[in-house]
Amino acid sequence: MNPVQVWPQNTSDFQRLRTILSMILDHGGPRYAIHPGDLAFWVFHSHPQIDDPVTYWLDAERGFVILDAHEQQIAVFCIPHQSPIPLLEWASEQLGPDARFWYVSSEDEALVTDLEKAGYRDAGIDGPIFTCGLTANDVSRRPHAGFTLRALAGEEEADARRHASHAAFKSTMDPAQHLERYLRFMRSPVYEAERDLVAVAPDGTIASFMIWWPDPSGIAQIEPMGTDPAFHRRGVGRALMEFAFSRMREAGMTEVRVITDEYRQDAVAFYSAVGFTRVADLRFWRRSAT
């Protein structure tokens, strides 16, 4: 086995990785895979001033590996019916025995058993997985009068969109760098303007924002979503979510998924309140000390 580094190199290599993730989603079951939209956002929304330490390695017969040299983390996503253990062992040789294996679902009993047999142990929670069925009878709610729900108008609104994200996620990034980052993403091959949704206040301020990603499996993904704290508790985030649900249904999606961090209790409470169900937890695993 000799995985080959395929990204960062070119867009066609990147698309092969997204295809594998779509195969896993379409297969179903408890085995977790990041959504192709997650991968797209991470790659094309990386920090514009910092070399990304994350590399992507393809084994055409098994799947692919993500190596994060900075965080000392490994992710393995295998073609259905393939075991991730051989790729995990290869990846551990690259980063060392202390590297963590991440994106293991608490519901994936078969993988947990394989990890324990291979000498790995549970190393703690990463974050919860939420899902919501996109039923046809959802009734959209509107925010307070004067707010508008729509797609981002274009690059002329990039800085307003950046400002909302900066506030929502309490970013410490320089605003000019933050804007450069978002413009670079908007000009990337994965960006589709009609899925970059916003709730706009009467004065033109972007109050809430969301990008949703489709997939042939019928499973959509939200990455990212946030609301400027100045507009909390006004129903804006809920209204934008329900507006997005209608767009997803129109695109043929039957389910939507979102992942957050365990420590973000406000996000956990929000997703529960708007109809999502916590279906599993993602956990880290690490090789046991000998």
C-alpha atoms as a PDB file:
ATOM      1  CA  MET A   1       0.000   0.000   0.000  1.00  0.00           C
ATOM      2  CA  ASN A   2       1.397   3.359  -1.050  1.00  0.00           C
ATOM      3  CA  PRO A   3      -1.135   6.233  -0.922  1.00  0.00           C
ATOM      4  CA  VAL A   4      -0.334   9.149  -3.202  1.00  0.00           C
ATOM      5  CA  GLN A   5      -0.700  12.793  -2.207  1.00  0.00           C
ATOM      6  CA  VAL A   6      -3.435  14.263  -4.394  1.00  0.00           C
ATOM      7  CA  TRP A   7      -4.176  17.603  -2.761  1.00  0.00           C
ATOM      8  CA  PRO A   8      -3.223  20.357  -2.797  1.00  0.00           C
ATOM      9  CA  GLN A   9      -2.464  19.799  -6.484  1.00  0.00           C
ATOM     10  CA  ASN A  10      -5.406  20.243  -8.819  1.00  0.00           C
ATOM     11  CA  THR A  11      -9.186  20.359  -8.966  1.00  0.00           C
ATOM     12  CA  SER A  12      -9.620  16.977 -10.660  1.00  0.00           C
ATOM     13  CA  ASP A  13      -7.774  15.236  -7.816  1.00  0.00           C
ATOM     14  CA  PHE A  14      -9.911  17.092  -5.299  1.00  0.00           C
ATOM     15  CA  GLN A  15     -13.079  15.920  -7.063  1.00  0.00           C
ATOM     16  CA  ARG A  16     -11.999  12.275  -6.659  1.00  0.00           C
ATOM     17  CA  LEU A  17     -12.004  12.769  -2.897  1.00  0.00           C
ATOM     18  CA  ARG A  18     -15.495  14.278  -2.975  1.00  0.00           C
ATOM     19  CA  THR A  19     -16.734  11.323  -5.042  1.00  0.00           C
ATOM     20  CA  ILE A  20     -15.552   8.871  -2.381  1.00  0.00           C
ATOM     21  CA  LEU A  21     -17.383  10.841   0.305  1.00  0.00           C
ATOM     22  CA  SER A  22     -20.579  10.782  -1.790  1.00  0.00           C
ATOM     23  CA  MET A  23     -20.247   6.994  -2.130  1.00  0.00           C
ATOM     24  CA  ILE A  24     -20.060   6.627   1.657  1.00  0.00           C
ATOM     25  CA  LEU A  25     -23.087   8.875   2.211  1.00  0.00           C
ATOM     26  CA  ASP A  26     -25.101   7.001  -0.400  1.00  0.00           C
ATOM     27  CA  HIS A  27     -24.183   3.659   1.188  1.00  0.00           C
ATOM     28  CA  GLY A  28     -25.759   4.691   4.500  1.00  0.00           C
ATOM     29  CA  GLY A  29     -25.215   2.975   7.829  1.00  0.00           C
ATOM     30  CA  PRO A  30     -23.377   4.194  10.926  1.00  0.00           C
ATOM     31  CA  ARG A  31     -19.978   4.738   9.266  1.00  0.00           C
ATOM     32  CA  TYR A  32     -19.351   8.490   9.370  1.00  0.00           C
ATOM     33  CA  ALA A  33     -17.950  10.508   6.505  1.00  0.00           C
ATOM     34  CA  ILE A  34     -17.579  14.223   6.243  1.00  0.00           C
ATOM     35  CA  HIS A  35     -19.846  15.689   3.589  1.00  0.00           C
ATOM     36  CA  PRO A  36     -18.323  16.672   0.209  1.00  0.00           C
ATOM     37  CA  GLY A  37     -19.475  20.186   1.081  1.00  0.00           C
ATOM     38  CA  ASP A  38     -17.456  20.127   4.309  1.00  0.00           C
ATOM     39  CA  LEU A  39     -14.375  19.208   2.342  1.00  0.00           C
ATOM     40  CA  ALA A  40     -15.028  21.915  -0.246  1.00  0.00           C
ATOM     41  CA  PHE A  41     -15.438  24.630   2.390  1.00  0.00           C
ATOM     42  CA  TRP A  42     -12.372  23.608   4.370  1.00  0.00           C
ATOM     43  CA  VAL A  43     -10.109  23.501   1.328  1.00  0.00           C
ATOM     44  CA  PHE A  44     -11.236  26.686  -0.405  1.00  0.00           C
ATOM     45  CA  HIS A  45     -11.880  28.743   2.746  1.00  0.00           C
ATOM     46  CA  SER A  46      -8.477  28.157   4.334  1.00  0.00           C
ATOM     47  CA  HIS A  47      -6.532  31.056   5.832  1.00  0.00           C
ATOM     48  CA  PRO A  48      -5.079  33.177   3.002  1.00  0.00           C
ATOM     49  CA  GLN A  49      -1.892  34.061   4.893  1.00  0.00           C
ATOM     50  CA  ILE A  50      -0.974  30.711   6.432  1.00  0.00           C
ATOM     51  CA  ASP A  51       0.329  27.615   4.675  1.00  0.00           C
ATOM     52  CA  ASP A  52      -2.222  24.865   5.241  1.00  0.00           C
ATOM     53  CA  PRO A  53      -0.537  21.910   7.014  1.00  0.00           C
ATOM     54  CA  VAL A  54      -3.323  19.534   5.920  1.00  0.00           C
ATOM     55  CA  THR A  55      -2.613  17.090   3.087  1.00  0.00           C
ATOM     56  CA  TYR A  56      -4.834  14.540   1.325  1.00  0.00           C
ATOM     57  CA  TRP A  57      -3.673  11.085   0.269  1.00  0.00           C
ATOM     58  CA  LEU A  58      -5.496   8.711  -2.077  1.00  0.00           C
ATOM     59  CA  ASP A  59      -5.416   4.920  -2.140  1.00  0.00           C
ATOM     60  CA  ALA A  60      -7.510   4.092  -5.204  1.00  0.00           C
ATOM     61  CA  GLU A  61      -8.587   0.701  -3.846  1.00  0.00           C
ATOM     62  CA  ARG A  62      -9.445   1.731  -0.290  1.00  0.00           C
ATOM     63  CA  GLY A  63     -10.246   5.443   0.045  1.00  0.00           C
ATOM     64  CA  PHE A  64      -8.336   8.469   1.239  1.00  0.00           C
ATOM     65  CA  VAL A  65      -6.557   9.902   4.264  1.00  0.00           C
ATOM     66  CA  ILE A  66      -6.384  13.420   5.666  1.00  0.00           C
ATOM     67  CA  LEU A  67      -3.199  14.204   7.573  1.00  0.00           C
ATOM     68  CA  ASP A  68      -3.170  17.299   9.771  1.00  0.00           C
ATOM     69  CA  ALA A  69       0.464  17.688  10.758  1.00  0.00           C
ATOM     70  CA  HIS A  70      -0.194  20.743  12.953  1.00  0.00           C
ATOM     71  CA  GLU A  71      -2.931  19.170  15.080  1.00  0.00           C
ATOM     72  CA  GLN A  72      -1.427  15.664  14.810  1.00  0.00           C
ATOM     73  CA  GLN A  73      -4.731  14.243  13.594  1.00  0.00           C
ATOM     74  CA  ILE A  74      -5.697  11.594  11.064  1.00  0.00           C
ATOM     75  CA  ALA A  75      -8.995  11.075   9.251  1.00  0.00           C
ATOM     76  CA  VAL A  76      -9.668   8.036   7.064  1.00  0.00           C
ATOM     77  CA  PHE A  77     -12.629   7.706   4.680  1.00  0.00           C
ATOM     78  CA  CYS A  78     -12.949   4.343   2.991  1.00  0.00           C
ATOM     79  CA  ILE A  79     -14.888   3.103  -0.002  1.00  0.00           C
ATOM     80  CA  PRO A  80     -17.859   1.051   1.348  1.00  0.00           C
ATOM     81  CA  HIS A  81     -16.931  -2.444   2.585  1.00  0.00           C
ATOM     82  CA  GLN A  82     -13.258  -1.501   3.012  1.00  0.00           C
ATOM     83  CA  SER A  83     -11.651  -1.437   6.455  1.00  0.00           C
ATOM     84  CA  PRO A  84      -9.981   1.838   7.467  1.00  0.00           C
ATOM     85  CA  ILE A  85      -7.394   0.054   9.647  1.00  0.00           C
ATOM     86  CA  PRO A  86      -4.701  -0.434   6.939  1.00  0.00           C
ATOM     87  CA  LEU A  87      -4.882   3.240   5.960  1.00  0.00           C
ATOM     88  CA  LEU A  88      -4.944   4.266   9.617  1.00  0.00           C
ATOM     89  CA  GLU A  89      -1.805   2.227  10.288  1.00  0.00           C
ATOM     90  CA  TRP A  90      -0.069   3.803   7.294  1.00  0.00           C
ATOM     91  CA  ALA A  91      -1.086   7.292   8.447  1.00  0.00           C
ATOM     92  CA  SER A  92       0.162   6.615  11.985  1.00  0.00           C
ATOM     93  CA  GLU A  93       3.590   5.866  10.537  1.00  0.00           C
ATOM     94  CA  GLN A  94       3.591   9.304   8.891  1.00  0.00           C
ATOM     95  CA  LEU A  95       2.565  11.343  11.965  1.00  0.00           C
ATOM     96  CA  GLY A  96       3.750   9.107  14.791  1.00  0.00           C
ATOM     97  CA  PRO A  97       2.028   6.965  17.419  1.00  0.00           C
ATOM     98  CA  ASP A  98       0.586   9.904  19.371  1.00  0.00           C
ATOM     99  CA  ALA A  99      -1.576  11.133  16.488  1.00  0.00           C
ATOM    100  CA  ARG A 100      -5.335  11.074  17.031  1.00  0.00           C
ATOM    101  CA  PHE A 101      -7.797   9.348  14.715  1.00  0.00           C
ATOM    102  CA  TRP A 102     -10.899  11.521  14.371  1.00  0.00           C
ATOM    103  CA  TYR A 103     -14.442  11.379  12.942  1.00  0.00           C
ATOM    104  CA  VAL A 104     -15.384   8.088  14.579  1.00  0.00           C
ATOM    105  CA  SER A 105     -19.121   7.882  15.212  1.00  0.00           C
ATOM    106  CA  SER A 106     -20.215   6.614  18.613  1.00  0.00           C
ATOM    107  CA  GLU A 107     -22.821   4.506  16.758  1.00  0.00           C
ATOM    108  CA  ASP A 108     -20.273   2.685  14.572  1.00  0.00           C
ATOM    109  CA  GLU A 109     -19.918  -0.476  16.640  1.00  0.00           C
ATOM    110  CA  ALA A 110     -18.003  -2.378  13.944  1.00  0.00           C
ATOM    111  CA  LEU A 111     -15.349   0.319  13.636  1.00  0.00           C
ATOM    112  CA  VAL A 112     -15.065   0.657  17.419  1.00  0.00           C
ATOM    113  CA  THR A 113     -14.457  -3.085  17.675  1.00  0.00           C
ATOM    114  CA  ASP A 114     -11.806  -2.965  14.947  1.00  0.00           C
ATOM    115  CA  LEU A 115     -10.066  -0.041  16.631  1.00  0.00           C
ATOM    116  CA  GLU A 116      -9.982  -1.787  19.991  1.00  0.00           C
ATOM    117  CA  LYS A 117      -8.555  -4.937  18.387  1.00  0.00           C
ATOM    118  CA  ALA A 118      -5.886  -2.824  16.701  1.00  0.00           C
ATOM    119  CA  GLY A 119      -4.824  -1.308  20.027  1.00  0.00           C
ATOM    120  CA  TYR A 120      -6.636   2.046  19.955  1.00  0.00           C
ATOM    121  CA  ARG A 121      -8.618   3.613  22.794  1.00  0.00           C
ATOM    122  CA  ASP A 122     -11.360   6.221  23.008  1.00  0.00           C
ATOM    123  CA  ALA A 123      -9.697   9.632  23.518  1.00  0.00           C
ATOM    124  CA  GLY A 124     -12.764  11.814  24.056  1.00  0.00           C
ATOM    125  CA  ILE A 125     -15.580  13.595  22.286  1.00  0.00           C
ATOM    126  CA  ASP A 126     -15.112  15.926  19.327  1.00  0.00           C
ATOM    127  CA  GLY A 127     -18.694  17.031  18.690  1.00  0.00           C
ATOM    128  CA  PRO A 128     -22.289  15.949  18.039  1.00  0.00           C
ATOM    129  CA  ILE A 129     -23.926  15.000  14.745  1.00  0.00           C
ATOM    130  CA  PHE A 130     -27.387  16.500  14.166  1.00  0.00           C
ATOM    131  CA  THR A 131     -29.808  15.508  11.405  1.00  0.00           C
ATOM    132  CA  CYS A 132     -33.227  16.741  10.317  1.00  0.00           C
ATOM    133  CA  GLY A 133     -35.664  15.209   7.829  1.00  0.00           C
ATOM    134  CA  LEU A 134     -36.872  17.594   5.148  1.00  0.00           C
ATOM    135  CA  THR A 135     -40.603  16.924   5.291  1.00  0.00           C
ATOM    136  CA  ALA A 136     -42.950  18.552   2.830  1.00  0.00           C
ATOM    137  CA  ASN A 137     -45.206  20.108   5.465  1.00  0.00           C
ATOM    138  CA  ASP A 138     -42.665  22.371   7.150  1.00  0.00           C
ATOM    139  CA  VAL A 139     -44.088  25.868   7.567  1.00  0.00           C
ATOM    140  CA  SER A 140     -41.583  28.665   7.127  1.00  0.00           C
ATOM    141  CA  ARG A 141     -41.545  31.395   9.750  1.00  0.00           C
ATOM    142  CA  ARG A 142     -40.587  34.946   8.965  1.00  0.00           C
ATOM    143  CA  PRO A 143     -38.337  37.053  11.211  1.00  0.00           C
ATOM    144  CA  HIS A 144     -39.409  40.421  12.532  1.00  0.00           C
ATOM    145  CA  ALA A 145     -40.815  42.774   9.902  1.00  0.00           C
ATOM    146  CA  GLY A 146     -38.315  44.284   7.521  1.00  0.00           C
ATOM    147  CA  PHE A 147     -35.829  41.403   7.347  1.00  0.00           C
ATOM    148  CA  THR A 148     -35.209  39.802   3.958  1.00  0.00           C
ATOM    149  CA  LEU A 149     -34.226  36.183   3.340  1.00  0.00           C
ATOM    150  CA  ARG A 150     -32.265  35.630   0.132  1.00  0.00           C
ATOM    151  CA  ALA A 151     -28.986  34.601  -1.465  1.00  0.00           C
ATOM    152  CA  LEU A 152     -25.972  36.866  -1.084  1.00  0.00           C
ATOM    153  CA  ALA A 153     -26.081  39.495  -3.843  1.00  0.00           C
ATOM    154  CA  GLY A 154     -22.458  39.049  -4.912  1.00  0.00           C
ATOM    155  CA  GLU A 155     -19.004  40.339  -4.136  1.00  0.00           C
ATOM    156  CA  GLU A 156     -20.380  43.776  -3.297  1.00  0.00           C
ATOM    157  CA  GLU A 157     -21.831  42.170  -0.135  1.00  0.00           C
ATOM    158  CA  ALA A 158     -18.742  40.136   0.701  1.00  0.00           C
ATOM    159  CA  ASP A 159     -17.566  42.528   3.407  1.00  0.00           C
ATOM    160  CA  ALA A 160     -21.004  42.662   5.054  1.00  0.00           C
ATOM    161  CA  ARG A 161     -21.075  38.853   4.990  1.00  0.00           C
ATOM    162  CA  ARG A 162     -17.568  38.793   6.416  1.00  0.00           C
ATOM    163  CA  HIS A 163     -18.581  41.172   9.209  1.00  0.00           C
ATOM    164  CA  ALA A 164     -21.453  38.908  10.278  1.00  0.00           C
ATOM    165  CA  SER A 165     -19.191  35.855  10.322  1.00  0.00           C
ATOM    166  CA  HIS A 166     -16.472  37.719  12.216  1.00  0.00           C
ATOM    167  CA  ALA A 167     -18.991  38.660  14.922  1.00  0.00           C
ATOM    168  CA  ALA A 168     -20.786  35.299  15.068  1.00  0.00           C
ATOM    169  CA  PHE A 169     -17.615  33.246  15.521  1.00  0.00           C
ATOM    170  CA  LYS A 170     -15.747  35.846  17.607  1.00  0.00           C
ATOM    171  CA  SER A 171     -12.908  35.766  15.098  1.00  0.00           C
ATOM    172  CA  THR A 172      -9.576  37.395  15.927  1.00  0.00           C
ATOM    173  CA  MET A 173      -8.483  37.452  12.277  1.00  0.00           C
ATOM    174  CA  ASP A 174      -7.607  40.825  10.797  1.00  0.00           C
ATOM    175  CA  PRO A 175     -10.739  42.095   8.973  1.00  0.00           C
ATOM    176  CA  ALA A 176      -8.832  42.674   5.719  1.00  0.00           C
ATOM    177  CA  GLN A 177      -7.511  39.111   5.809  1.00  0.00           C
ATOM    178  CA  HIS A 178     -10.962  37.851   6.668  1.00  0.00           C
ATOM    179  CA  LEU A 179     -12.386  39.612   3.621  1.00  0.00           C
ATOM    180  CA  GLU A 180      -9.603  38.308   1.394  1.00  0.00           C
ATOM    181  CA  ARG A 181     -10.392  34.819   2.614  1.00  0.00           C
ATOM    182  CA  TYR A 182     -14.067  35.074   1.755  1.00  0.00           C
ATOM    183  CA  LEU A 183     -13.476  36.625  -1.649  1.00  0.00           C
ATOM    184  CA  ARG A 184     -11.052  33.836  -2.494  1.00  0.00           C
ATOM    185  CA  PHE A 185     -13.716  31.303  -1.553  1.00  0.00           C
ATOM    186  CA  MET A 186     -16.365  33.109  -3.631  1.00  0.00           C
ATOM    187  CA  ARG A 187     -14.057  32.932  -6.669  1.00  0.00           C
ATOM    188  CA  SER A 188     -13.288  29.225  -6.184  1.00  0.00           C
ATOM    189  CA  PRO A 189     -14.711  26.394  -8.355  1.00  0.00           C
ATOM    190  CA  VAL A 190     -16.877  25.051  -5.506  1.00  0.00           C
ATOM    191  CA  TYR A 191     -18.786  28.257  -4.744  1.00  0.00           C
ATOM    192  CA  GLU A 192     -22.413  28.495  -5.868  1.00  0.00           C
ATOM    193  CA  ALA A 193     -23.986  31.831  -5.041  1.00  0.00           C
ATOM    194  CA  GLU A 194     -27.557  30.561  -4.787  1.00  0.00           C
ATOM    195  CA  ARG A 195     -26.624  28.464  -1.738  1.00  0.00           C
ATOM    196  CA  ASP A 196     -24.913  31.297   0.142  1.00  0.00           C
ATOM    197  CA  LEU A 197     -27.980  32.457   2.082  1.00  0.00           C
ATOM    198  CA  VAL A 198     -28.414  35.500   4.306  1.00  0.00           C
ATOM    199  CA  ALA A 199     -30.996  37.254   6.459  1.00  0.00           C
ATOM    200  CA  VAL A 200     -30.703  40.996   5.882  1.00  0.00           C
ATOM    201  CA  ALA A 201     -31.901  43.663   8.330  1.00  0.00           C
ATOM    202  CA  PRO A 202     -33.840  46.730   7.130  1.00  0.00           C
ATOM    203  CA  ASP A 203     -30.662  48.854   7.174  1.00  0.00           C
ATOM    204  CA  GLY A 204     -28.824  46.340   4.937  1.00  0.00           C
ATOM    205  CA  THR A 205     -26.850  44.679   7.736  1.00  0.00           C
ATOM    206  CA  ILE A 206     -26.421  40.923   7.323  1.00  0.00           C
ATOM    207  CA  ALA A 207     -27.842  39.476  10.509  1.00  0.00           C
ATOM    208  CA  SER A 208     -27.531  35.745   9.849  1.00  0.00           C
ATOM    209  CA  PHE A 209     -25.836  33.620   7.206  1.00  0.00           C
ATOM    210  CA  MET A 210     -25.592  30.050   6.002  1.00  0.00           C
ATOM    211  CA  ILE A 211     -24.119  27.957   3.215  1.00  0.00           C
ATOM    212  CA  TRP A 212     -25.765  24.639   2.434  1.00  0.00           C
ATOM    213  CA  TRP A 213     -24.285  21.898   0.279  1.00  0.00           C
ATOM    214  CA  PRO A 214     -26.248  19.304  -1.746  1.00  0.00           C
ATOM    215  CA  ASP A 215     -25.259  15.719  -2.540  1.00  0.00           C
ATOM    216  CA  PRO A 216     -26.648  13.039  -4.906  1.00  0.00           C
ATOM    217  CA  SER A 217     -27.412  10.884  -1.838  1.00  0.00           C
ATOM    218  CA  GLY A 218     -30.142  13.380  -0.896  1.00  0.00           C
ATOM    219  CA  ILE A 219     -28.230  14.395   2.236  1.00  0.00           C
ATOM    220  CA  ALA A 220     -27.523  18.119   2.480  1.00  0.00           C
ATOM    221  CA  GLN A 221     -24.985  19.696   4.813  1.00  0.00           C
ATOM    222  CA  ILE A 222     -24.857  23.084   6.525  1.00  0.00           C
ATOM    223  CA  GLU A 223     -21.331  24.505   6.682  1.00  0.00           C
ATOM    224  CA  PRO A 224     -21.172  27.140   8.084  1.00  0.00           C
ATOM    225  CA  MET A 225     -24.067  28.919   9.815  1.00  0.00           C
ATOM    226  CA  GLY A 226     -24.052  31.798  12.253  1.00  0.00           C
ATOM    227  CA  THR A 227     -25.892  34.861  13.515  1.00  0.00           C
ATOM    228  CA  ASP A 228     -24.389  38.187  14.513  1.00  0.00           C
ATOM    229  CA  PRO A 229     -24.872  38.401  18.331  1.00  0.00           C
ATOM    230  CA  ALA A 230     -26.519  41.821  17.845  1.00  0.00           C
ATOM    231  CA  PHE A 231     -29.478  39.960  16.306  1.00  0.00           C
ATOM    232  CA  HIS A 232     -29.800  37.051  18.732  1.00  0.00           C
ATOM    233  CA  ARG A 233     -33.243  36.105  20.085  1.00  0.00           C
ATOM    234  CA  ARG A 234     -35.134  37.765  17.243  1.00  0.00           C
ATOM    235  CA  GLY A 235     -36.029  34.638  15.273  1.00  0.00           C
ATOM    236  CA  VAL A 236     -33.642  35.506  12.454  1.00  0.00           C
ATOM    237  CA  GLY A 237     -31.558  32.311  12.578  1.00  0.00           C
ATOM    238  CA  ARG A 238     -34.652  30.115  12.739  1.00  0.00           C
ATOM    239  CA  ALA A 239     -36.244  31.917   9.800  1.00  0.00           C
ATOM    240  CA  LEU A 240     -33.087  31.558   7.712  1.00  0.00           C
ATOM    241  CA  MET A 241     -32.899  27.864   8.557  1.00  0.00           C
ATOM    242  CA  GLU A 242     -36.485  27.260   7.461  1.00  0.00           C
ATOM    243  CA  PHE A 243     -35.893  29.291   4.299  1.00  0.00           C
ATOM    244  CA  ALA A 244     -32.915  27.019   3.584  1.00  0.00           C
ATOM    245  CA  PHE A 245     -35.058  23.921   4.223  1.00  0.00           C
ATOM    246  CA  SER A 246     -37.379  24.996   1.419  1.00  0.00           C
ATOM    247  CA  ARG A 247     -34.423  25.482  -0.944  1.00  0.00           C
ATOM    248  CA  MET A 248     -33.070  22.048  -0.034  1.00  0.00           C
ATOM    249  CA  ARG A 249     -36.414  20.358  -0.696  1.00  0.00           C
ATOM    250  CA  GLU A 250     -36.627  22.072  -4.084  1.00  0.00           C
ATOM    251  CA  ALA A 251     -33.211  20.598  -4.900  1.00  0.00           C
ATOM    252  CA  GLY A 252     -34.409  17.059  -4.039  1.00  0.00           C
ATOM    253  CA  MET A 253     -32.725  16.745  -0.651  1.00  0.00           C
ATOM    254  CA  THR A 254     -34.470  14.503   1.897  1.00  0.00           C
ATOM    255  CA  GLU A 255     -32.259  15.083   4.934  1.00  0.00           C
ATOM    256  CA  VAL A 256     -29.942  17.780   6.230  1.00  0.00           C
ATOM    257  CA  ARG A 257     -27.006  17.310   8.561  1.00  0.00           C
ATOM    258  CA  VAL A 258     -24.940  19.699  10.663  1.00  0.00           C
ATOM    259  CA  ILE A 259     -21.932  19.193  12.923  1.00  0.00           C
ATOM    260  CA  THR A 260     -20.819  21.494  15.712  1.00  0.00           C
ATOM    261  CA  ASP A 261     -18.339  21.456  18.561  1.00  0.00           C
ATOM    262  CA  GLU A 262     -19.354  20.019  21.906  1.00  0.00           C
ATOM    263  CA  TYR A 263     -18.348  23.198  23.746  1.00  0.00           C
ATOM    264  CA  ARG A 264     -20.620  25.425  21.623  1.00  0.00           C
ATOM    265  CA  GLN A 265     -23.683  24.953  23.801  1.00  0.00           C
ATOM    266  CA  ASP A 266     -25.522  27.855  22.157  1.00  0.00           C
ATOM    267  CA  ALA A 267     -25.254  26.092  18.774  1.00  0.00           C
ATOM    268  CA  VAL A 268     -26.275  22.745  20.295  1.00  0.00           C
ATOM    269  CA  ALA A 269     -29.378  24.376  21.810  1.00  0.00           C
ATOM    270  CA  PHE A 270     -30.219  26.209  18.573  1.00  0.00           C
ATOM    271  CA  TYR A 271     -30.127  23.130  16.340  1.00  0.00           C
ATOM    272  CA  SER A 272     -32.255  21.195  18.810  1.00  0.00           C
ATOM    273  CA  ALA A 273     -34.789  24.038  18.903  1.00  0.00           C
ATOM    274  CA  VAL A 274     -35.212  24.228  15.108  1.00  0.00           C
ATOM    275  CA  GLY A 275     -35.965  20.542  14.591  1.00  0.00           C
ATOM    276  CA  PHE A 276     -32.631  18.733  14.500  1.00  0.00           C
ATOM    277  CA  THR A 277     -32.021  15.508  16.427  1.00  0.00           C
ATOM    278  CA  ARG A 278     -28.682  14.584  17.944  1.00  0.00           C
ATOM    279  CA  VAL A 279     -28.066  11.146  16.436  1.00  0.00           C
ATOM    280  CA  ALA A 280     -24.474  10.394  17.438  1.00  0.00           C
ATOM    281  CA  ASP A 281     -21.252  11.868  18.766  1.00  0.00           C
ATOM    282  CA  LEU A 282     -17.970  12.049  16.913  1.00  0.00           C
ATOM    283  CA  ARG A 283     -15.067  10.873  19.024  1.00  0.00           C
ATOM    284  CA  PHE A 284     -11.285  10.822  18.889  1.00  0.00           C
ATOM    285  CA  TRP A 285      -9.301   7.593  19.175  1.00  0.00           C
ATOM    286  CA  ARG A 286      -5.605   7.158  19.949  1.00  0.00           C
ATOM    287  CA  ARG A 287      -3.277   4.167  20.101  1.00  0.00           C
ATOM    288  CA  SER A 288      -3.053   2.732  23.606  1.00  0.00           C
ATOM    289  CA  ALA A 289       0.237   3.030  25.447  1.00  0.00           C
ATOM    290  CA  THR A 290       2.144  -0.234  25.508  1.00  0.00           C
END
